[in-house]
C-alpha atoms as a PDB file:
ATOM      1  CA  MET A   1      19.889  -2.286 -12.349  1.00  0.00           C
ATOM      2  CA  ARG A   2      16.223  -0.874 -12.950  1.00  0.00           C
ATOM      3  CA  VAL A   3      12.750  -1.609 -11.700  1.00  0.00           C
ATOM      4  CA  THR A   4      11.039  -3.151 -14.476  1.00  0.00           C
ATOM      5  CA  LYS A   5       7.297  -1.925 -15.494  1.00  0.00           C
ATOM      6  CA  LYS A   6       5.953  -5.587 -14.757  1.00  0.00           C
ATOM      7  CA  GLN A   7       7.543  -5.690 -11.199  1.00  0.00           C
ATOM      8  CA  LEU A   8       6.404  -2.081 -10.510  1.00  0.00           C
ATOM      9  CA  VAL A   9       2.566  -3.162 -11.598  1.00  0.00           C
ATOM     10  CA  GLN A  10       2.994  -6.522  -9.235  1.00  0.00           C
ATOM     11  CA  ILE A  11       4.281  -4.195  -6.440  1.00  0.00           C
ATOM     12  CA  ILE A  12       1.324  -1.733  -6.935  1.00  0.00           C
ATOM     13  CA  LYS A  13      -1.268  -4.859  -7.283  1.00  0.00           C
ATOM     14  CA  GLU A  14       0.019  -6.634  -3.955  1.00  0.00           C
ATOM     15  CA  GLU A  15      -0.156  -3.212  -1.969  1.00  0.00           C
ATOM     16  CA  VAL A  16      -3.576  -2.281  -3.180  1.00  0.00           C
ATOM     17  CA  GLY A  17      -4.940  -5.748  -2.286  1.00  0.00           C
ATOM     18  CA  ARG A  18      -3.218  -5.823   0.830  1.00  0.00           C
ATOM     19  CA  LEU A  19      -4.815  -2.371   1.869  1.00  0.00           C
ATOM     20  CA  GLN A  20      -8.546  -3.090   0.314  1.00  0.00           C
ATOM     21  CA  GLN A  21      -8.291  -6.336   2.706  1.00  0.00           C
ATOM     22  CA  ALA A  22      -7.416  -4.278   5.588  1.00  0.00           C
ATOM     23  CA  ASP A  23      -9.489  -1.445   5.122  1.00  0.00           C
ATOM     24  CA  PRO A  24     -11.697  -0.880   2.101  1.00  0.00           C
ATOM     25  CA  PHE A  25     -12.504   2.804   3.114  1.00  0.00           C
ATOM     26  CA  SER A  26      -8.937   3.785   3.234  1.00  0.00           C
ATOM     27  CA  ASP A  27      -8.081   7.373   1.944  1.00  0.00           C
ATOM     28  CA  ARG A  28      -5.646   8.609  -0.540  1.00  0.00           C
ATOM     29  CA  LEU A  29      -2.808   9.195   1.875  1.00  0.00           C
ATOM     30  CA  SER A  30      -2.966   5.473   3.199  1.00  0.00           C
ATOM     31  CA  LEU A  31      -2.735   4.003  -0.303  1.00  0.00           C
ATOM     32  CA  SER A  32      -0.140   6.281  -1.173  1.00  0.00           C
ATOM     33  CA  ASN A  33       2.081   5.395   2.020  1.00  0.00           C
ATOM     34  CA  SER A  34       1.474   1.648   1.190  1.00  0.00           C
ATOM     35  CA  ILE A  35       2.497   1.807  -2.595  1.00  0.00           C
ATOM     36  CA  ARG A  36       5.442   3.995  -1.492  1.00  0.00           C
ATOM     37  CA  ASP A  37       6.384   1.454   1.080  1.00  0.00           C
ATOM     38  CA  GLY A  38       6.127  -1.280  -1.006  1.00  0.00           C
ATOM     39  CA  ILE A  39       8.232   0.442  -3.634  1.00  0.00           C
ATOM     40  CA  ILE A  40      11.193   1.272  -1.232  1.00  0.00           C
ATOM     41  CA  ASP A  41      10.911  -2.239   0.475  1.00  0.00           C
ATOM     42  CA  HIS A  42      11.486  -3.592  -3.253  1.00  0.00           C
ATOM     43  CA  LEU A  43      14.463  -1.225  -4.176  1.00  0.00           C
ATOM     44  CA  GLU A  44      15.827  -2.417  -0.568  1.00  0.00           C
ATOM     45  CA  SER A  45      15.347  -6.268  -1.238  1.00  0.00           C
ATOM     46  CA  GLU A  46      16.670  -6.068  -4.764  1.00  0.00           C
ATOM     47  CA  LYS A  47      19.973  -4.522  -3.534  1.00  0.00           C
ATOM     48  CA  PHE A  48      19.550  -1.388  -5.420  1.00  0.00           C
ATOM     49  CA  PHE A  49      20.229   0.581  -2.352  1.00  0.00           C
ATOM     50  CA  GLU A  50      21.473  -0.743   1.326  1.00  0.00           C
ATOM     51  CA  MET A  51      18.644  -0.343   4.113  1.00  0.00           C
ATOM     52  CA  GLY A  52      17.692   3.171   4.975  1.00  0.00           C
ATOM     53  CA  ALA A  53      20.565   4.366   2.540  1.00  0.00           C
ATOM     54  CA  ILE A  54      18.058   5.360  -0.329  1.00  0.00           C
ATOM     55  CA  PRO A  55      18.827   9.050  -1.141  1.00  0.00           C
ATOM     56  CA  GLN A  56      16.093  11.570  -0.321  1.00  0.00           C
ATOM     57  CA  SER A  57      15.934  12.782  -4.202  1.00  0.00           C
ATOM     58  CA  VAL A  58      14.763   9.003  -4.985  1.00  0.00           C
ATOM     59  CA  ILE A  59      12.491   8.854  -1.753  1.00  0.00           C
ATOM     60  CA  LYS A  60      10.697  12.148  -3.214  1.00  0.00           C
ATOM     61  CA  VAL A  61      10.145  10.677  -6.478  1.00  0.00           C
ATOM     62  CA  VAL A  62       8.782   7.577  -5.294  1.00  0.00           C
ATOM     63  CA  GLU A  63       6.424   9.569  -2.991  1.00  0.00           C
ATOM     64  CA  ASN A  64       5.097  11.659  -5.923  1.00  0.00           C
ATOM     65  CA  CYS A  65       4.583   9.014  -8.170  1.00  0.00           C
ATOM     66  CA  SER A  66       2.695   6.852  -5.354  1.00  0.00           C
ATOM     67  CA  LEU A  67       0.488   9.800  -4.938  1.00  0.00           C
ATOM     68  CA  GLN A  68      -0.111   9.948  -8.453  1.00  0.00           C
ATOM     69  CA  ILE A  69      -0.983   6.200  -8.706  1.00  0.00           C
ATOM     70  CA  ALA A  70      -3.428   6.529  -5.743  1.00  0.00           C
ATOM     71  CA  ASP A  71      -5.125   9.319  -7.335  1.00  0.00           C
ATOM     72  CA  ALA A  72      -5.568   7.313 -10.580  1.00  0.00           C
ATOM     73  CA  LEU A  73      -6.731   4.534  -8.791  1.00  0.00           C
ATOM     74  CA  LYS A  74      -9.337   6.260  -6.893  1.00  0.00           C
ATOM     75  CA  GLU A  75     -10.484   7.778 -10.318  1.00  0.00           C
ATOM     76  CA  GLU A  76     -10.445   4.478 -11.841  1.00  0.00           C
ATOM     77  CA  SER A  77     -12.960   3.172  -9.234  1.00  0.00           C
ATOM     78  CA  GLU A  78     -15.356   5.894  -9.298  1.00  0.00           C
END
């Protein structure tokens, strides 16, 4: 089972909205961490992986992607 593009967009929107409400001046790392946490929570809640059993290779990919998303969002807002 895969995360659909629509699900991923929704996760990112929710995390960005939550983060902006909490701290409108947050930096790249905070935004990236929120996106990463949202994606990992989704993977666990949808039973793609057991809680705490996500392989390190998957976590690295999610972290890299979350940094790219954070950078793109920052560029878009400037």
